[in-house]
Amino acid sequence: KLVGDQICASSSNRNFKGRQGSPTGRTLLMSPLMVAAAAITGKVADVREVFGVAEVASV
C-alpha cells in the first residue's frame, strides 16, 4: 500500500483515487514487462535496455 505521495508502478486494469492505499499517491499503469523493469531498476525504465533486446513484441 502507498503511503502519502508515493508512486506505484502497476499492471492492474483500474486506476482511481486511493486504489493503492493513499488518496494522494500516484499509480502509473504499465505493461507487466514495464513493471518488471521498474522493479529491477527502481525507476521507470526502457525495457529494451533492461532486458537487452532490440525490439519488444506486442502481445
PDB file of N, CA and C in Angstrom:
ATOM      1  N   LYS A   1       0.831  -1.188   0.000  1.00  0.00           N
ATOM      2  CA  LYS A   1       0.000   0.000   0.000  1.00  0.00           C
ATOM      3  C   LYS A   1       0.870   1.245   0.000  1.00  0.00           C
ATOM      4  N   LEU A   2       0.416   2.234  -0.752  1.00  0.00           N
ATOM      5  CA  LEU A   2       1.131   3.503  -0.803  1.00  0.00           C
ATOM      6  C   LEU A   2       0.857   4.310   0.456  1.00  0.00           C
ATOM      7  N   VAL A   3       1.845   5.081   0.852  1.00  0.00           N
ATOM      8  CA  VAL A   3       1.720   5.989   1.986  1.00  0.00           C
ATOM      9  C   VAL A   3       2.047   7.386   1.481  1.00  0.00           C
ATOM     10  N   GLY A   4       1.182   8.340   1.788  1.00  0.00           N
ATOM     11  CA  GLY A   4       1.441   9.721   1.378  1.00  0.00           C
ATOM     12  C   GLY A   4       1.495   9.865  -0.135  1.00  0.00           C
ATOM     13  N   ASP A   5       2.538  10.550  -0.615  1.00  0.00           N
ATOM     14  CA  ASP A   5       2.665  10.855  -2.038  1.00  0.00           C
ATOM     15  C   ASP A   5       3.536   9.858  -2.803  1.00  0.00           C
ATOM     16  N   GLN A   6       3.651   8.641  -2.321  1.00  0.00           N
ATOM     17  CA  GLN A   6       4.460   7.643  -3.015  1.00  0.00           C
ATOM     18  C   GLN A   6       3.906   7.372  -4.414  1.00  0.00           C
ATOM     19  N   ILE A   7       4.769   6.829  -5.280  1.00  0.00           N
ATOM     20  CA  ILE A   7       4.385   6.482  -6.648  1.00  0.00           C
ATOM     21  C   ILE A   7       4.517   4.974  -6.819  1.00  0.00           C
ATOM     22  N   CYS A   8       3.543   4.383  -7.503  1.00  0.00           N
ATOM     23  CA  CYS A   8       3.496   2.932  -7.694  1.00  0.00           C
ATOM     24  C   CYS A   8       3.448   2.599  -9.184  1.00  0.00           C
ATOM     25  N   ALA A   9       4.181   1.570  -9.597  1.00  0.00           N
ATOM     26  CA  ALA A   9       4.072   1.021 -10.949  1.00  0.00           C
ATOM     27  C   ALA A   9       3.145  -0.183 -10.855  1.00  0.00           C
ATOM     28  N   SER A  10       2.092  -0.197 -11.654  1.00  0.00           N
ATOM     29  CA  SER A  10       1.099  -1.265 -11.553  1.00  0.00           C
ATOM     30  C   SER A  10       0.641  -1.720 -12.933  1.00  0.00           C
ATOM     31  N   SER A  11       0.339  -3.000 -13.041  1.00  0.00           N
ATOM     32  CA  SER A  11      -0.230  -3.522 -14.288  1.00  0.00           C
ATOM     33  C   SER A  11      -1.718  -3.834 -14.118  1.00  0.00           C
ATOM     34  N   SER A  12      -2.326  -3.299 -13.067  1.00  0.00           N
ATOM     35  CA  SER A  12      -3.760  -3.525 -12.847  1.00  0.00           C
ATOM     36  C   SER A  12      -4.564  -2.832 -13.943  1.00  0.00           C
ATOM     37  N   ASN A  13      -5.809  -3.222 -14.093  1.00  0.00           N
ATOM     38  CA  ASN A  13      -6.621  -2.636 -15.157  1.00  0.00           C
ATOM     39  C   ASN A  13      -7.507  -1.490 -14.670  1.00  0.00           C
ATOM     40  N   ARG A  14      -7.299  -1.050 -13.449  1.00  0.00           N
ATOM     41  CA  ARG A  14      -8.084   0.065 -12.917  1.00  0.00           C
ATOM     42  C   ARG A  14      -7.173   1.023 -12.166  1.00  0.00           C
ATOM     43  N   ASN A  15      -7.517   2.294 -12.238  1.00  0.00           N
ATOM     44  CA  ASN A  15      -6.756   3.304 -11.523  1.00  0.00           C
ATOM     45  C   ASN A  15      -7.723   4.393 -11.079  1.00  0.00           C
ATOM     46  N   PHE A  16      -7.892   4.535  -9.797  1.00  0.00           N
ATOM     47  CA  PHE A  16      -8.725   5.604  -9.267  1.00  0.00           C
ATOM     48  C   PHE A  16      -8.139   6.064  -7.947  1.00  0.00           C
ATOM     49  N   LYS A  17      -8.543   7.220  -7.508  1.00  0.00           N
ATOM     50  CA  LYS A  17      -8.011   7.829  -6.291  1.00  0.00           C
ATOM     51  C   LYS A  17      -8.124   6.861  -5.113  1.00  0.00           C
ATOM     52  N   GLY A  18      -6.995   6.623  -4.443  1.00  0.00           N
ATOM     53  CA  GLY A  18      -6.972   5.743  -3.290  1.00  0.00           C
ATOM     54  C   GLY A  18      -6.864   4.259  -3.623  1.00  0.00           C
ATOM     55  N   ARG A  19      -6.794   3.899  -4.875  1.00  0.00           N
ATOM     56  CA  ARG A  19      -6.770   2.483  -5.299  1.00  0.00           C
ATOM     57  C   ARG A  19      -5.633   1.706  -4.643  1.00  0.00           C
ATOM     58  N   GLN A  20      -4.466   2.327  -4.516  1.00  0.00           N
ATOM     59  CA  GLN A  20      -3.303   1.638  -3.953  1.00  0.00           C
ATOM     60  C   GLN A  20      -3.092   1.957  -2.475  1.00  0.00           C
ATOM     61  N   GLY A  21      -4.061   2.611  -1.836  1.00  0.00           N
ATOM     62  CA  GLY A  21      -3.973   2.849  -0.397  1.00  0.00           C
ATOM     63  C   GLY A  21      -3.985   4.301   0.017  1.00  0.00           C
ATOM     64  N   SER A  22      -3.239   5.156  -0.669  1.00  0.00           N
ATOM     65  CA  SER A  22      -3.167   6.562  -0.288  1.00  0.00           C
ATOM     66  C   SER A  22      -3.948   7.422  -1.276  1.00  0.00           C
ATOM     67  N   PRO A  23      -4.813   8.301  -0.781  1.00  0.00           N
ATOM     68  CA  PRO A  23      -5.564   9.162  -1.691  1.00  0.00           C
ATOM     69  C   PRO A  23      -4.682  10.183  -2.416  1.00  0.00           C
ATOM     70  N   THR A  24      -3.468  10.413  -1.919  1.00  0.00           N
ATOM     71  CA  THR A  24      -2.569  11.360  -2.593  1.00  0.00           C
ATOM     72  C   THR A  24      -1.447  10.651  -3.357  1.00  0.00           C
ATOM     73  N   GLY A  25      -1.397   9.325  -3.282  1.00  0.00           N
ATOM     74  CA  GLY A  25      -0.384   8.565  -4.019  1.00  0.00           C
ATOM     75  C   GLY A  25      -0.699   8.541  -5.506  1.00  0.00           C
ATOM     76  N   ARG A  26       0.304   8.211  -6.308  1.00  0.00           N
ATOM     77  CA  ARG A  26       0.134   8.147  -7.762  1.00  0.00           C
ATOM     78  C   ARG A  26       0.390   6.727  -8.240  1.00  0.00           C
ATOM     79  N   THR A  27      -0.408   6.277  -9.200  1.00  0.00           N
ATOM     80  CA  THR A  27      -0.221   4.964  -9.796  1.00  0.00           C
ATOM     81  C   THR A  27       0.058   5.135 -11.280  1.00  0.00           C
ATOM     82  N   LEU A  28       1.158   4.562 -11.741  1.00  0.00           N
ATOM     83  CA  LEU A  28       1.493   4.568 -13.160  1.00  0.00           C
ATOM     84  C   LEU A  28       1.091   3.214 -13.727  1.00  0.00           C
ATOM     85  N   LEU A  29       0.124   3.202 -14.648  1.00  0.00           N
ATOM     86  CA  LEU A  29      -0.320   1.953 -15.252  1.00  0.00           C
ATOM     87  C   LEU A  29       0.648   1.570 -16.362  1.00  0.00           C
ATOM     88  N   MET A  30       1.145   0.334 -16.315  1.00  0.00           N
ATOM     89  CA  MET A  30       2.163  -0.131 -17.255  1.00  0.00           C
ATOM     90  C   MET A  30       1.888  -1.573 -17.653  1.00  0.00           C
ATOM     91  N   SER A  31       2.575  -2.000 -18.700  1.00  0.00           N
ATOM     92  CA  SER A  31       2.526  -3.413 -19.073  1.00  0.00           C
ATOM     93  C   SER A  31       3.284  -4.207 -18.012  1.00  0.00           C
ATOM     94  N   PRO A  32       3.012  -5.507 -17.897  1.00  0.00           N
ATOM     95  CA  PRO A  32       3.755  -6.322 -16.930  1.00  0.00           C
ATOM     96  C   PRO A  32       5.269  -6.262 -17.142  1.00  0.00           C
ATOM     97  N   LEU A  33       5.713  -6.198 -18.392  1.00  0.00           N
ATOM     98  CA  LEU A  33       7.146  -6.123 -18.671  1.00  0.00           C
ATOM     99  C   LEU A  33       7.740  -4.810 -18.160  1.00  0.00           C
ATOM    100  N   MET A  34       7.003  -3.712 -18.327  1.00  0.00           N
ATOM    101  CA  MET A  34       7.484  -2.426 -17.815  1.00  0.00           C
ATOM    102  C   MET A  34       7.510  -2.412 -16.290  1.00  0.00           C
ATOM    103  N   VAL A  35       6.528  -3.047 -15.655  1.00  0.00           N
ATOM    104  CA  VAL A  35       6.521  -3.137 -14.192  1.00  0.00           C
ATOM    105  C   VAL A  35       7.745  -3.914 -13.713  1.00  0.00           C
ATOM    106  N   ALA A  36       8.078  -5.007 -14.406  1.00  0.00           N
ATOM    107  CA  ALA A  36       9.265  -5.792 -14.045  1.00  0.00           C
ATOM    108  C   ALA A  36      10.528  -4.953 -14.193  1.00  0.00           C
ATOM    109  N   ALA A  37      10.637  -4.193 -15.278  1.00  0.00           N
ATOM    110  CA  ALA A  37      11.805  -3.333 -15.486  1.00  0.00           C
ATOM    111  C   ALA A  37      11.895  -2.276 -14.390  1.00  0.00           C
ATOM    112  N   ALA A  38      10.760  -1.712 -13.993  1.00  0.00           N
ATOM    113  CA  ALA A  38      10.747  -0.717 -12.917  1.00  0.00           C
ATOM    114  C   ALA A  38      11.161  -1.343 -11.589  1.00  0.00           C
ATOM    115  N   ALA A  39      10.723  -2.575 -11.338  1.00  0.00           N
ATOM    116  CA  ALA A  39      11.093  -3.262 -10.095  1.00  0.00           C
ATOM    117  C   ALA A  39      12.591  -3.541 -10.051  1.00  0.00           C
ATOM    118  N   ILE A  40      13.168  -3.900 -11.183  1.00  0.00           N
ATOM    119  CA  ILE A  40      14.601  -4.198 -11.245  1.00  0.00           C
ATOM    120  C   ILE A  40      15.447  -2.943 -11.059  1.00  0.00           C
ATOM    121  N   THR A  41      15.043  -1.847 -11.714  1.00  0.00           N
ATOM    122  CA  THR A  41      15.863  -0.628 -11.705  1.00  0.00           C
ATOM    123  C   THR A  41      15.481   0.375 -10.621  1.00  0.00           C
ATOM    124  N   GLY A  42      14.275   0.252 -10.075  1.00  0.00           N
ATOM    125  CA  GLY A  42      13.820   1.215  -9.076  1.00  0.00           C
ATOM    126  C   GLY A  42      13.297   2.506  -9.672  1.00  0.00           C
ATOM    127  N   LYS A  43      13.092   2.513 -10.994  1.00  0.00           N
ATOM    128  CA  LYS A  43      12.557   3.696 -11.682  1.00  0.00           C
ATOM    129  C   LYS A  43      11.909   3.237 -12.981  1.00  0.00           C
ATOM    130  N   VAL A  44      11.147   4.127 -13.615  1.00  0.00           N
ATOM    131  CA  VAL A  44      10.575   3.799 -14.916  1.00  0.00           C
ATOM    132  C   VAL A  44      11.742   3.665 -15.891  1.00  0.00           C
ATOM    133  N   ALA A  45      11.799   2.535 -16.600  1.00  0.00           N
ATOM    134  CA  ALA A  45      12.954   2.253 -17.451  1.00  0.00           C
ATOM    135  C   ALA A  45      12.523   1.726 -18.813  1.00  0.00           C
ATOM    136  N   ASP A  46      13.413   1.836 -19.769  1.00  0.00           N
ATOM    137  CA  ASP A  46      13.201   1.306 -21.111  1.00  0.00           C
ATOM    138  C   ASP A  46      13.446  -0.204 -21.070  1.00  0.00           C
ATOM    139  N   VAL A  47      12.406  -0.982 -21.334  1.00  0.00           N
ATOM    140  CA  VAL A  47      12.531  -2.439 -21.239  1.00  0.00           C
ATOM    141  C   VAL A  47      13.571  -2.990 -22.209  1.00  0.00           C
ATOM    142  N   ARG A  48      13.782  -2.319 -23.323  1.00  0.00           N
ATOM    143  CA  ARG A  48      14.785  -2.786 -24.292  1.00  0.00           C
ATOM    144  C   ARG A  48      16.179  -2.731 -23.695  1.00  0.00           C
ATOM    145  N   GLU A  49      16.435  -1.710 -22.881  1.00  0.00           N
ATOM    146  CA  GLU A  49      17.750  -1.594 -22.247  1.00  0.00           C
ATOM    147  C   GLU A  49      17.887  -2.555 -21.069  1.00  0.00           C
ATOM    148  N   VAL A  50      16.854  -2.668 -20.266  1.00  0.00           N
ATOM    149  CA  VAL A  50      16.909  -3.518 -19.075  1.00  0.00           C
ATOM    150  C   VAL A  50      17.073  -4.989 -19.447  1.00  0.00           C
ATOM    151  N   PHE A  51      16.331  -5.433 -20.462  1.00  0.00           N
ATOM    152  CA  PHE A  51      16.361  -6.843 -20.828  1.00  0.00           C
ATOM    153  C   PHE A  51      17.267  -7.141 -22.019  1.00  0.00           C
ATOM    154  N   GLY A  52      17.953  -6.123 -22.539  1.00  0.00           N
ATOM    155  CA  GLY A  52      18.927  -6.320 -23.603  1.00  0.00           C
ATOM    156  C   GLY A  52      18.359  -6.825 -24.912  1.00  0.00           C
ATOM    157  N   VAL A  53      17.210  -6.296 -25.303  1.00  0.00           N
ATOM    158  CA  VAL A  53      16.610  -6.689 -26.576  1.00  0.00           C
ATOM    159  C   VAL A  53      16.430  -5.461 -27.459  1.00  0.00           C
ATOM    160  N   ALA A  54      16.478  -5.654 -28.765  1.00  0.00           N
ATOM    161  CA  ALA A  54      16.315  -4.538 -29.695  1.00  0.00           C
ATOM    162  C   ALA A  54      14.847  -4.172 -29.875  1.00  0.00           C
ATOM    163  N   GLU A  55      13.973  -5.178 -29.835  1.00  0.00           N
ATOM    164  CA  GLU A  55      12.541  -4.949 -30.006  1.00  0.00           C
ATOM    165  C   GLU A  55      11.766  -5.732 -28.967  1.00  0.00           C
ATOM    166  N   VAL A  56      10.653  -5.177 -28.567  1.00  0.00           N
ATOM    167  CA  VAL A  56       9.760  -5.882 -27.653  1.00  0.00           C
ATOM    168  C   VAL A  56       8.472  -6.139 -28.423  1.00  0.00           C
ATOM    169  N   ALA A  57       8.096  -7.393 -28.551  1.00  0.00           N
ATOM    170  CA  ALA A  57       6.907  -7.765 -29.327  1.00  0.00           C
ATOM    171  C   ALA A  57       5.633  -7.410 -28.581  1.00  0.00           C
ATOM    172  N   SER A  58       4.619  -6.997 -29.315  1.00  0.00           N
ATOM    173  CA  SER A  58       3.298  -6.764 -28.725  1.00  0.00           C
ATOM    174  C   SER A  58       2.624  -8.110 -28.536  1.00  0.00           C
ATOM    175  N   VAL A  59       1.898  -8.208 -27.462  1.00  0.00           N
ATOM    176  CA  VAL A  59       1.178  -9.458 -27.211  1.00  0.00           C
ATOM    177  C   VAL A  59      -0.298  -9.191 -27.299  1.00  0.00           C
TER     178      VAL A  59
END
